[in-house]
Amino acid sequence: MASAHVEVVYARAGEQHVALVEVEEGTRAIAAVEASGILARCPEVDPRALRLGRFGREISRDERVSDGDRLEILRPLQVGPMEARRLRARRGRARRPL
């Protein structure tokens, strides 16, 4: 079977972990992440609650990878999208002169 070169990325505030791994074409995304060693270097990442993305779009852990894929380990949101919008709207109202 052909091999695939996959980039696995995990970014935290102030630092970024990037690993290039070679796996078999069609390997599941979670297996590629495990092969990268990032989970061992970043103990705060819970493998059971892991969310993954491919080029910025969320994917299933069981999706198959292809040569050249970039897999991102997604961090949990600090603030939900609706709450973030409310906060931006409040800040905008506070800046307007009367």
Foldseek 3Di string as FASTA:
>chain_A
DAKAWEWEWEDDVPDIDIFIDIGRFFAFQLVVVVVRCVCVVDVVDDSVPWWKDWPPHTDDRGGTDHHPIYMYTDDDDPDDPVVVVVVVVVVVVVPDDD
